[in-house]
Amino acid sequence: MNRFILFPLFLLVSCGTARNSTTVNNTIEPDSLVAVQVPGQLWGKTYGDYVFHDDFYYGYSYSSDTYEHYPLTKALNTYGLIVDYTHKVEVEGKIKALGFVINKAFVFKPNIEGWYWLYISGKGDVKQIPHVFYYTNLYQLDGRKSVFGLDNEFVVKYDGSMEKTDQIIMLAKMHNIKVGTIEDKSRYGYSYIYLYCSKDSSGNAVEMANWFVECAGFPNTFPSLGDAPFDFD
């Protein structure tokens, strides 16, 4: 997976603790998840006093052997969609009717499922597009016009214990996140669990990865950001 390494950005957030905390905030109840109007964000949700954010992500640095902050910049009026391919014609028609331009599209088949990935631009309302499994703002790469960020996967690296596995699955369910493969690396002292966001999740893959670090106490969590960047022009 590619990592787009930029300069670190250090901020604080209200989660009862500072960002990069390993303390779980157990006082937050599921019904405290509410939508708020946040310009430029598709989700714009809070969870208790925590505001989901995707201004940076946590990525592993081989030079320091730690997870560091890597800033992200949203690309203006550019979005990524994952939709049901069987509705391709209807979806493309609606996208164009709403005033969007389809800049790139291809069929992606994880686990033999036919998902249609689209990168679009425009000022319409993406929430009006039907048959969408996942949508997100895209991110700008290194000040250029290249964009990336459609991948809805994020990964939690943890000790592999049943207790932690159950906790991650419980948190995923709470936030409407699909649990995928658990990769057992116990002979090395850790495991990976792969999680997948949808439009019904509390946030996109970057936002949810950050929440797992900052509030849930899993400091080695990161978004995959696995889709290759491309230039809209």
C-alpha atoms as a PDB file:
ATOM      1  CA  MET A   1       0.000   0.000   0.000  1.00  0.00           C
ATOM      2  CA  ASN A   2       1.307   3.420  -0.902  1.00  0.00           C
ATOM      3  CA  ARG A   3       1.854   6.011   1.807  1.00  0.00           C
ATOM      4  CA  PHE A   4       1.791   9.665   0.851  1.00  0.00           C
ATOM      5  CA  ILE A   5       4.209  11.039   3.428  1.00  0.00           C
ATOM      6  CA  LEU A   6       4.006  14.763   4.127  1.00  0.00           C
ATOM      7  CA  PHE A   7       5.013  16.900   7.093  1.00  0.00           C
ATOM      8  CA  PRO A   8       3.545  15.949  10.491  1.00  0.00           C
ATOM      9  CA  LEU A   9       0.644  17.986  11.874  1.00  0.00           C
ATOM     10  CA  PHE A  10      -0.057  18.000  15.599  1.00  0.00           C
ATOM     11  CA  LEU A  11      -3.473  19.051  16.887  1.00  0.00           C
ATOM     12  CA  LEU A  12      -5.743  18.388  19.850  1.00  0.00           C
ATOM     13  CA  VAL A  13      -9.327  17.198  19.820  1.00  0.00           C
ATOM     14  CA  SER A  14     -12.009  16.950  22.451  1.00  0.00           C
ATOM     15  CA  CYS A  15     -12.413  13.268  23.174  1.00  0.00           C
ATOM     16  CA  GLY A  16     -11.898  13.540  26.855  1.00  0.00           C
ATOM     17  CA  THR A  17      -8.216  13.113  25.894  1.00  0.00           C
ATOM     18  CA  ALA A  18      -5.678  14.423  23.398  1.00  0.00           C
ATOM     19  CA  ARG A  19      -5.208  12.900  19.970  1.00  0.00           C
ATOM     20  CA  ASN A  20      -2.990   9.818  19.876  1.00  0.00           C
ATOM     21  CA  SER A  21      -4.444   8.771  23.206  1.00  0.00           C
ATOM     22  CA  THR A  22      -4.557   5.102  24.123  1.00  0.00           C
ATOM     23  CA  THR A  23      -7.365   5.665  26.639  1.00  0.00           C
ATOM     24  CA  VAL A  24     -10.814   4.385  25.681  1.00  0.00           C
ATOM     25  CA  ASN A  25     -13.649   6.823  26.300  1.00  0.00           C
ATOM     26  CA  ASN A  26     -16.259   4.464  27.718  1.00  0.00           C
ATOM     27  CA  THR A  27     -18.680   7.258  28.673  1.00  0.00           C
ATOM     28  CA  ILE A  28     -19.905   7.715  25.088  1.00  0.00           C
ATOM     29  CA  GLU A  29     -23.224   6.045  24.319  1.00  0.00           C
ATOM     30  CA  PRO A  30     -24.258   4.950  20.789  1.00  0.00           C
ATOM     31  CA  ASP A  31     -27.235   7.328  20.751  1.00  0.00           C
ATOM     32  CA  SER A  32     -24.930  10.312  21.268  1.00  0.00           C
ATOM     33  CA  LEU A  33     -23.831  10.086  17.630  1.00  0.00           C
ATOM     34  CA  VAL A  34     -25.409  13.106  15.936  1.00  0.00           C
ATOM     35  CA  ALA A  35     -24.996  14.889  12.629  1.00  0.00           C
ATOM     36  CA  VAL A  36     -23.794  18.486  12.657  1.00  0.00           C
ATOM     37  CA  GLN A  37     -23.342  20.952   9.826  1.00  0.00           C
ATOM     38  CA  VAL A  38     -19.650  21.103   9.027  1.00  0.00           C
ATOM     39  CA  PRO A  39     -18.797  22.867   5.731  1.00  0.00           C
ATOM     40  CA  GLY A  40     -16.808  20.684   3.360  1.00  0.00           C
ATOM     41  CA  GLN A  41     -17.557  17.409   5.120  1.00  0.00           C
ATOM     42  CA  LEU A  42     -19.884  14.690   3.867  1.00  0.00           C
ATOM     43  CA  TRP A  43     -20.445  13.217   7.300  1.00  0.00           C
ATOM     44  CA  GLY A  44     -19.929  16.123   9.680  1.00  0.00           C
ATOM     45  CA  LYS A  45     -20.745  14.007  12.712  1.00  0.00           C
ATOM     46  CA  THR A  46     -19.810  14.129  16.348  1.00  0.00           C
ATOM     47  CA  TYR A  47     -19.656  11.298  18.855  1.00  0.00           C
ATOM     48  CA  GLY A  48     -20.156  12.658  22.309  1.00  0.00           C
ATOM     49  CA  ASP A  49     -17.788  15.616  22.336  1.00  0.00           C
ATOM     50  CA  TYR A  50     -15.580  14.113  19.615  1.00  0.00           C
ATOM     51  CA  VAL A  51     -15.677  15.558  16.091  1.00  0.00           C
ATOM     52  CA  PHE A  52     -14.655  13.165  13.324  1.00  0.00           C
ATOM     53  CA  HIS A  53     -11.833  14.554  11.190  1.00  0.00           C
ATOM     54  CA  ASP A  54      -9.724  13.626   8.166  1.00  0.00           C
ATOM     55  CA  ASP A  55      -7.229  16.479   8.109  1.00  0.00           C
ATOM     56  CA  PHE A  56      -4.464  13.936   8.719  1.00  0.00           C
ATOM     57  CA  TYR A  57      -4.004  10.206   9.209  1.00  0.00           C
ATOM     58  CA  TYR A  58      -1.702   8.013  11.271  1.00  0.00           C
ATOM     59  CA  GLY A  59       0.861   6.120   9.217  1.00  0.00           C
ATOM     60  CA  TYR A  60       3.858   3.991  10.084  1.00  0.00           C
ATOM     61  CA  SER A  61       7.283   5.590   9.754  1.00  0.00           C
ATOM     62  CA  TYR A  62      10.123   3.142   9.187  1.00  0.00           C
ATOM     63  CA  SER A  63      12.660   5.825  10.087  1.00  0.00           C
ATOM     64  CA  SER A  64      11.234   6.385  13.568  1.00  0.00           C
ATOM     65  CA  ASP A  65       9.502   2.996  14.011  1.00  0.00           C
ATOM     66  CA  THR A  66       6.359   4.796  15.200  1.00  0.00           C
ATOM     67  CA  TYR A  67       2.974   5.866  13.838  1.00  0.00           C
ATOM     68  CA  GLU A  68       3.152   9.538  12.895  1.00  0.00           C
ATOM     69  CA  HIS A  69       0.728  12.194  11.654  1.00  0.00           C
ATOM     70  CA  TYR A  70       0.555  12.709   7.875  1.00  0.00           C
ATOM     71  CA  PRO A  71      -1.608  15.654   6.802  1.00  0.00           C
ATOM     72  CA  LEU A  72      -4.309  15.372   4.157  1.00  0.00           C
ATOM     73  CA  THR A  73      -5.794  18.132   1.991  1.00  0.00           C
ATOM     74  CA  LYS A  74      -9.265  17.696   0.547  1.00  0.00           C
ATOM     75  CA  ALA A  75      -9.533  18.196  -3.201  1.00  0.00           C
ATOM     76  CA  LEU A  76     -12.266  20.754  -3.833  1.00  0.00           C
ATOM     77  CA  ASN A  77     -15.517  19.365  -5.311  1.00  0.00           C
ATOM     78  CA  THR A  78     -14.080  15.915  -6.014  1.00  0.00           C
ATOM     79  CA  TYR A  79     -15.636  12.720  -4.694  1.00  0.00           C
ATOM     80  CA  GLY A  80     -15.194   8.977  -4.783  1.00  0.00           C
ATOM     81  CA  LEU A  81     -18.126   6.564  -4.963  1.00  0.00           C
ATOM     82  CA  ILE A  82     -18.430   2.810  -4.603  1.00  0.00           C
ATOM     83  CA  VAL A  83     -21.716   1.645  -6.113  1.00  0.00           C
ATOM     84  CA  ASP A  84     -23.490  -1.573  -7.097  1.00  0.00           C
ATOM     85  CA  TYR A  85     -22.315  -2.359 -10.633  1.00  0.00           C
ATOM     86  CA  THR A  86     -25.666  -3.875 -11.584  1.00  0.00           C
ATOM     87  CA  HIS A  87     -27.093  -0.328 -11.483  1.00  0.00           C
ATOM     88  CA  LYS A  88     -24.275   1.165 -13.579  1.00  0.00           C
ATOM     89  CA  VAL A  89     -26.498   2.797 -16.234  1.00  0.00           C
ATOM     90  CA  GLU A  90     -28.911   4.353 -13.725  1.00  0.00           C
ATOM     91  CA  VAL A  91     -26.094   5.607 -11.503  1.00  0.00           C
ATOM     92  CA  GLU A  92     -24.128   7.179 -14.353  1.00  0.00           C
ATOM     93  CA  GLY A  93     -27.276   8.846 -15.662  1.00  0.00           C
ATOM     94  CA  LYS A  94     -28.062  10.354 -12.269  1.00  0.00           C
ATOM     95  CA  ILE A  95     -24.475  11.508 -11.788  1.00  0.00           C
ATOM     96  CA  LYS A  96     -24.594  13.430 -15.066  1.00  0.00           C
ATOM     97  CA  ALA A  97     -28.098  14.767 -14.363  1.00  0.00           C
ATOM     98  CA  LEU A  98     -26.828  16.238 -11.099  1.00  0.00           C
ATOM     99  CA  GLY A  99     -24.114  18.102 -12.985  1.00  0.00           C
ATOM    100  CA  PHE A 100     -21.139  15.918 -12.118  1.00  0.00           C
ATOM    101  CA  VAL A 101     -18.395  14.774 -14.468  1.00  0.00           C
ATOM    102  CA  ILE A 102     -17.163  11.180 -14.276  1.00  0.00           C
ATOM    103  CA  ASN A 103     -13.370  11.455 -14.341  1.00  0.00           C
ATOM    104  CA  LYS A 104     -12.521   7.801 -13.842  1.00  0.00           C
ATOM    105  CA  ALA A 105     -14.485   4.581 -13.356  1.00  0.00           C
ATOM    106  CA  PHE A 106     -13.643   0.895 -13.136  1.00  0.00           C
ATOM    107  CA  VAL A 107     -14.981  -2.377 -11.750  1.00  0.00           C
ATOM    108  CA  PHE A 108     -13.308  -3.530  -8.555  1.00  0.00           C
ATOM    109  CA  LYS A 109     -13.965  -7.085  -7.386  1.00  0.00           C
ATOM    110  CA  PRO A 110     -12.971  -7.612  -3.760  1.00  0.00           C
ATOM    111  CA  ASN A 111     -14.026 -11.086  -2.611  1.00  0.00           C
ATOM    112  CA  ILE A 112     -15.689 -11.643  -6.021  1.00  0.00           C
ATOM    113  CA  GLU A 113     -18.158  -8.804  -5.402  1.00  0.00           C
ATOM    114  CA  GLY A 114     -18.681  -6.471  -8.355  1.00  0.00           C
ATOM    115  CA  TRP A 115     -18.281  -2.946  -7.033  1.00  0.00           C
ATOM    116  CA  TYR A 116     -18.121   0.009  -9.395  1.00  0.00           C
ATOM    117  CA  TRP A 117     -15.582   2.627  -8.306  1.00  0.00           C
ATOM    118  CA  LEU A 118     -16.110   6.146  -9.655  1.00  0.00           C
ATOM    119  CA  TYR A 119     -14.154   9.362  -9.262  1.00  0.00           C
ATOM    120  CA  ILE A 120     -16.333  12.378 -10.005  1.00  0.00           C
ATOM    121  CA  SER A 121     -16.132  16.151  -9.817  1.00  0.00           C
ATOM    122  CA  GLY A 122     -18.747  18.887  -9.634  1.00  0.00           C
ATOM    123  CA  LYS A 123     -20.884  20.908  -7.237  1.00  0.00           C
ATOM    124  CA  GLY A 124     -23.971  18.685  -7.084  1.00  0.00           C
ATOM    125  CA  ASP A 125     -25.276  16.755  -4.072  1.00  0.00           C
ATOM    126  CA  VAL A 126     -23.647  13.304  -4.027  1.00  0.00           C
ATOM    127  CA  LYS A 127     -26.189  12.135  -1.465  1.00  0.00           C
ATOM    128  CA  GLN A 128     -28.826  12.126  -4.218  1.00  0.00           C
ATOM    129  CA  ILE A 129     -26.969   9.471  -6.221  1.00  0.00           C
ATOM    130  CA  PRO A 130     -28.735   6.082  -5.841  1.00  0.00           C
ATOM    131  CA  HIS A 131     -27.286   2.625  -5.129  1.00  0.00           C
ATOM    132  CA  VAL A 132     -24.207   4.063  -3.430  1.00  0.00           C
ATOM    133  CA  PHE A 133     -22.447   1.808  -0.934  1.00  0.00           C
ATOM    134  CA  TYR A 134     -19.785   4.351   0.036  1.00  0.00           C
ATOM    135  CA  TYR A 135     -18.845   7.915  -0.812  1.00  0.00           C
ATOM    136  CA  THR A 136     -16.096  10.217   0.338  1.00  0.00           C
ATOM    137  CA  ASN A 137     -14.256  13.412  -0.419  1.00  0.00           C
ATOM    138  CA  LEU A 138     -11.014  12.800  -2.294  1.00  0.00           C
ATOM    139  CA  TYR A 139      -7.638  14.166  -1.239  1.00  0.00           C
ATOM    140  CA  GLN A 140      -5.054  16.180  -3.116  1.00  0.00           C
ATOM    141  CA  LEU A 141      -1.534  14.787  -3.458  1.00  0.00           C
ATOM    142  CA  ASP A 142       1.505  16.976  -2.736  1.00  0.00           C
ATOM    143  CA  GLY A 143      -0.020  20.225  -4.023  1.00  0.00           C
ATOM    144  CA  ARG A 144      -0.565  18.709  -7.461  1.00  0.00           C
ATOM    145  CA  LYS A 145      -3.815  17.952  -9.247  1.00  0.00           C
ATOM    146  CA  SER A 146      -3.521  14.242  -8.551  1.00  0.00           C
ATOM    147  CA  VAL A 147      -6.205  12.892  -6.212  1.00  0.00           C
ATOM    148  CA  PHE A 148      -6.716   9.701  -4.207  1.00  0.00           C
ATOM    149  CA  GLY A 149      -8.617   8.370  -1.214  1.00  0.00           C
ATOM    150  CA  LEU A 150     -11.595   6.304  -2.411  1.00  0.00           C
ATOM    151  CA  ASP A 151     -10.486   3.117  -0.633  1.00  0.00           C
ATOM    152  CA  ASN A 152     -13.008   2.399   2.160  1.00  0.00           C
ATOM    153  CA  GLU A 153     -10.703   0.037   4.078  1.00  0.00           C
ATOM    154  CA  PHE A 154      -8.828   0.721   7.287  1.00  0.00           C
ATOM    155  CA  VAL A 155      -6.705  -1.639   9.344  1.00  0.00           C
ATOM    156  CA  VAL A 156      -6.285  -2.179  13.064  1.00  0.00           C
ATOM    157  CA  LYS A 157      -3.017  -3.740  14.209  1.00  0.00           C
ATOM    158  CA  TYR A 158      -3.358  -5.205  17.704  1.00  0.00           C
ATOM    159  CA  ASP A 159      -2.157  -7.996  19.963  1.00  0.00           C
ATOM    160  CA  GLY A 160      -4.496 -10.589  18.437  1.00  0.00           C
ATOM    161  CA  SER A 161      -6.139 -11.525  21.732  1.00  0.00           C
ATOM    162  CA  MET A 162      -9.772 -12.666  21.783  1.00  0.00           C
ATOM    163  CA  GLU A 163     -10.604  -9.838  24.194  1.00  0.00           C
ATOM    164  CA  LYS A 164      -9.293  -7.174  21.811  1.00  0.00           C
ATOM    165  CA  THR A 165     -10.839  -8.915  18.802  1.00  0.00           C
ATOM    166  CA  ASP A 166     -14.263  -8.848  20.459  1.00  0.00           C
ATOM    167  CA  GLN A 167     -13.794  -5.199  21.410  1.00  0.00           C
ATOM    168  CA  ILE A 168     -12.918  -4.188  17.833  1.00  0.00           C
ATOM    169  CA  ILE A 169     -15.901  -6.111  16.439  1.00  0.00           C
ATOM    170  CA  MET A 170     -18.196  -4.452  18.992  1.00  0.00           C
ATOM    171  CA  LEU A 171     -16.911  -0.983  18.080  1.00  0.00           C
ATOM    172  CA  ALA A 172     -17.260  -1.737  14.372  1.00  0.00           C
ATOM    173  CA  LYS A 173     -20.891  -2.745  14.879  1.00  0.00           C
ATOM    174  CA  MET A 174     -21.531   0.408  16.892  1.00  0.00           C
ATOM    175  CA  HIS A 175     -20.298   2.535  13.978  1.00  0.00           C
ATOM    176  CA  ASN A 176     -21.896   0.488  11.152  1.00  0.00           C
ATOM    177  CA  ILE A 177     -18.555  -0.801   9.888  1.00  0.00           C
ATOM    178  CA  LYS A 178     -18.141  -4.175   8.172  1.00  0.00           C
ATOM    179  CA  VAL A 179     -15.575  -6.546   9.680  1.00  0.00           C
ATOM    180  CA  GLY A 180     -13.425  -8.292   7.107  1.00  0.00           C
ATOM    181  CA  THR A 181     -10.473 -10.650   7.351  1.00  0.00           C
ATOM    182  CA  ILE A 182      -8.489 -11.179  10.539  1.00  0.00           C
ATOM    183  CA  GLU A 183      -4.867 -11.812   9.602  1.00  0.00           C
ATOM    184  CA  ASP A 184      -3.214 -13.839  12.337  1.00  0.00           C
ATOM    185  CA  LYS A 185       0.404 -12.802  12.844  1.00  0.00           C
ATOM    186  CA  SER A 186       0.511 -14.106  16.398  1.00  0.00           C
ATOM    187  CA  ARG A 187       3.863 -15.780  15.835  1.00  0.00           C
ATOM    188  CA  TYR A 188       5.199 -12.234  15.520  1.00  0.00           C
ATOM    189  CA  GLY A 189       3.151 -10.927  18.435  1.00  0.00           C
ATOM    190  CA  TYR A 190       0.372  -9.110  16.570  1.00  0.00           C
ATOM    191  CA  SER A 191      -2.593  -9.478  14.212  1.00  0.00           C
ATOM    192  CA  TYR A 192      -4.398  -7.317  11.653  1.00  0.00           C
ATOM    193  CA  ILE A 193      -8.149  -6.873  11.368  1.00  0.00           C
ATOM    194  CA  TYR A 194      -9.512  -5.281   8.182  1.00  0.00           C
ATOM    195  CA  LEU A 195     -12.546  -3.002   8.478  1.00  0.00           C
ATOM    196  CA  TYR A 196     -14.716  -1.467   5.743  1.00  0.00           C
ATOM    197  CA  CYS A 197     -16.783   1.707   5.909  1.00  0.00           C
ATOM    198  CA  SER A 198     -20.038   2.378   4.070  1.00  0.00           C
ATOM    199  CA  LYS A 199     -22.218   5.456   3.628  1.00  0.00           C
ATOM    200  CA  ASP A 200     -23.974   4.410   6.857  1.00  0.00           C
ATOM    201  CA  SER A 201     -20.761   4.403   8.904  1.00  0.00           C
ATOM    202  CA  SER A 202     -20.050   7.172  11.365  1.00  0.00           C
ATOM    203  CA  GLY A 203     -17.252   8.482   9.138  1.00  0.00           C
ATOM    204  CA  ASN A 204     -15.118   7.665   6.143  1.00  0.00           C
ATOM    205  CA  ALA A 205     -12.117   5.344   6.353  1.00  0.00           C
ATOM    206  CA  VAL A 206      -9.685   8.073   7.438  1.00  0.00           C
ATOM    207  CA  GLU A 207     -12.070   9.480  10.047  1.00  0.00           C
ATOM    208  CA  MET A 208     -12.797   6.078  11.511  1.00  0.00           C
ATOM    209  CA  ALA A 209      -9.129   5.067  11.581  1.00  0.00           C
ATOM    210  CA  ASN A 210      -8.383   8.270  13.485  1.00  0.00           C
ATOM    211  CA  TRP A 211     -11.210   7.573  15.932  1.00  0.00           C
ATOM    212  CA  PHE A 212      -9.860   4.084  16.649  1.00  0.00           C
ATOM    213  CA  VAL A 213      -6.503   5.678  17.508  1.00  0.00           C
ATOM    214  CA  GLU A 214      -7.726   8.704  19.428  1.00  0.00           C
ATOM    215  CA  CYS A 215     -10.728   7.352  21.325  1.00  0.00           C
ATOM    216  CA  ALA A 216     -10.806   3.561  21.159  1.00  0.00           C
ATOM    217  CA  GLY A 217      -7.235   2.981  22.304  1.00  0.00           C
ATOM    218  CA  PHE A 218      -5.766   1.246  19.228  1.00  0.00           C
ATOM    219  CA  PRO A 219      -2.741   3.426  18.355  1.00  0.00           C
ATOM    220  CA  ASN A 220      -1.603   1.269  15.421  1.00  0.00           C
ATOM    221  CA  THR A 221      -4.656   1.903  13.231  1.00  0.00           C
ATOM    222  CA  PHE A 222      -4.367   3.357   9.727  1.00  0.00           C
ATOM    223  CA  PRO A 223      -6.447   3.859   6.567  1.00  0.00           C
ATOM    224  CA  SER A 224      -5.355   1.768   3.603  1.00  0.00           C
ATOM    225  CA  LEU A 225      -5.458   4.623   1.056  1.00  0.00           C
ATOM    226  CA  GLY A 226      -4.725   1.870  -1.427  1.00  0.00           C
ATOM    227  CA  ASP A 227      -6.099   3.418  -4.625  1.00  0.00           C
ATOM    228  CA  ALA A 228      -3.399   4.829  -6.884  1.00  0.00           C
ATOM    229  CA  PRO A 229      -3.508   8.622  -7.330  1.00  0.00           C
ATOM    230  CA  PHE A 230      -4.440   9.999 -10.729  1.00  0.00           C
ATOM    231  CA  ASP A 231      -4.647  13.403 -12.378  1.00  0.00           C
ATOM    232  CA  PHE A 232      -8.112  14.789 -13.123  1.00  0.00           C
ATOM    233  CA  ASP A 233      -6.772  16.781 -16.088  1.00  0.00           C
END
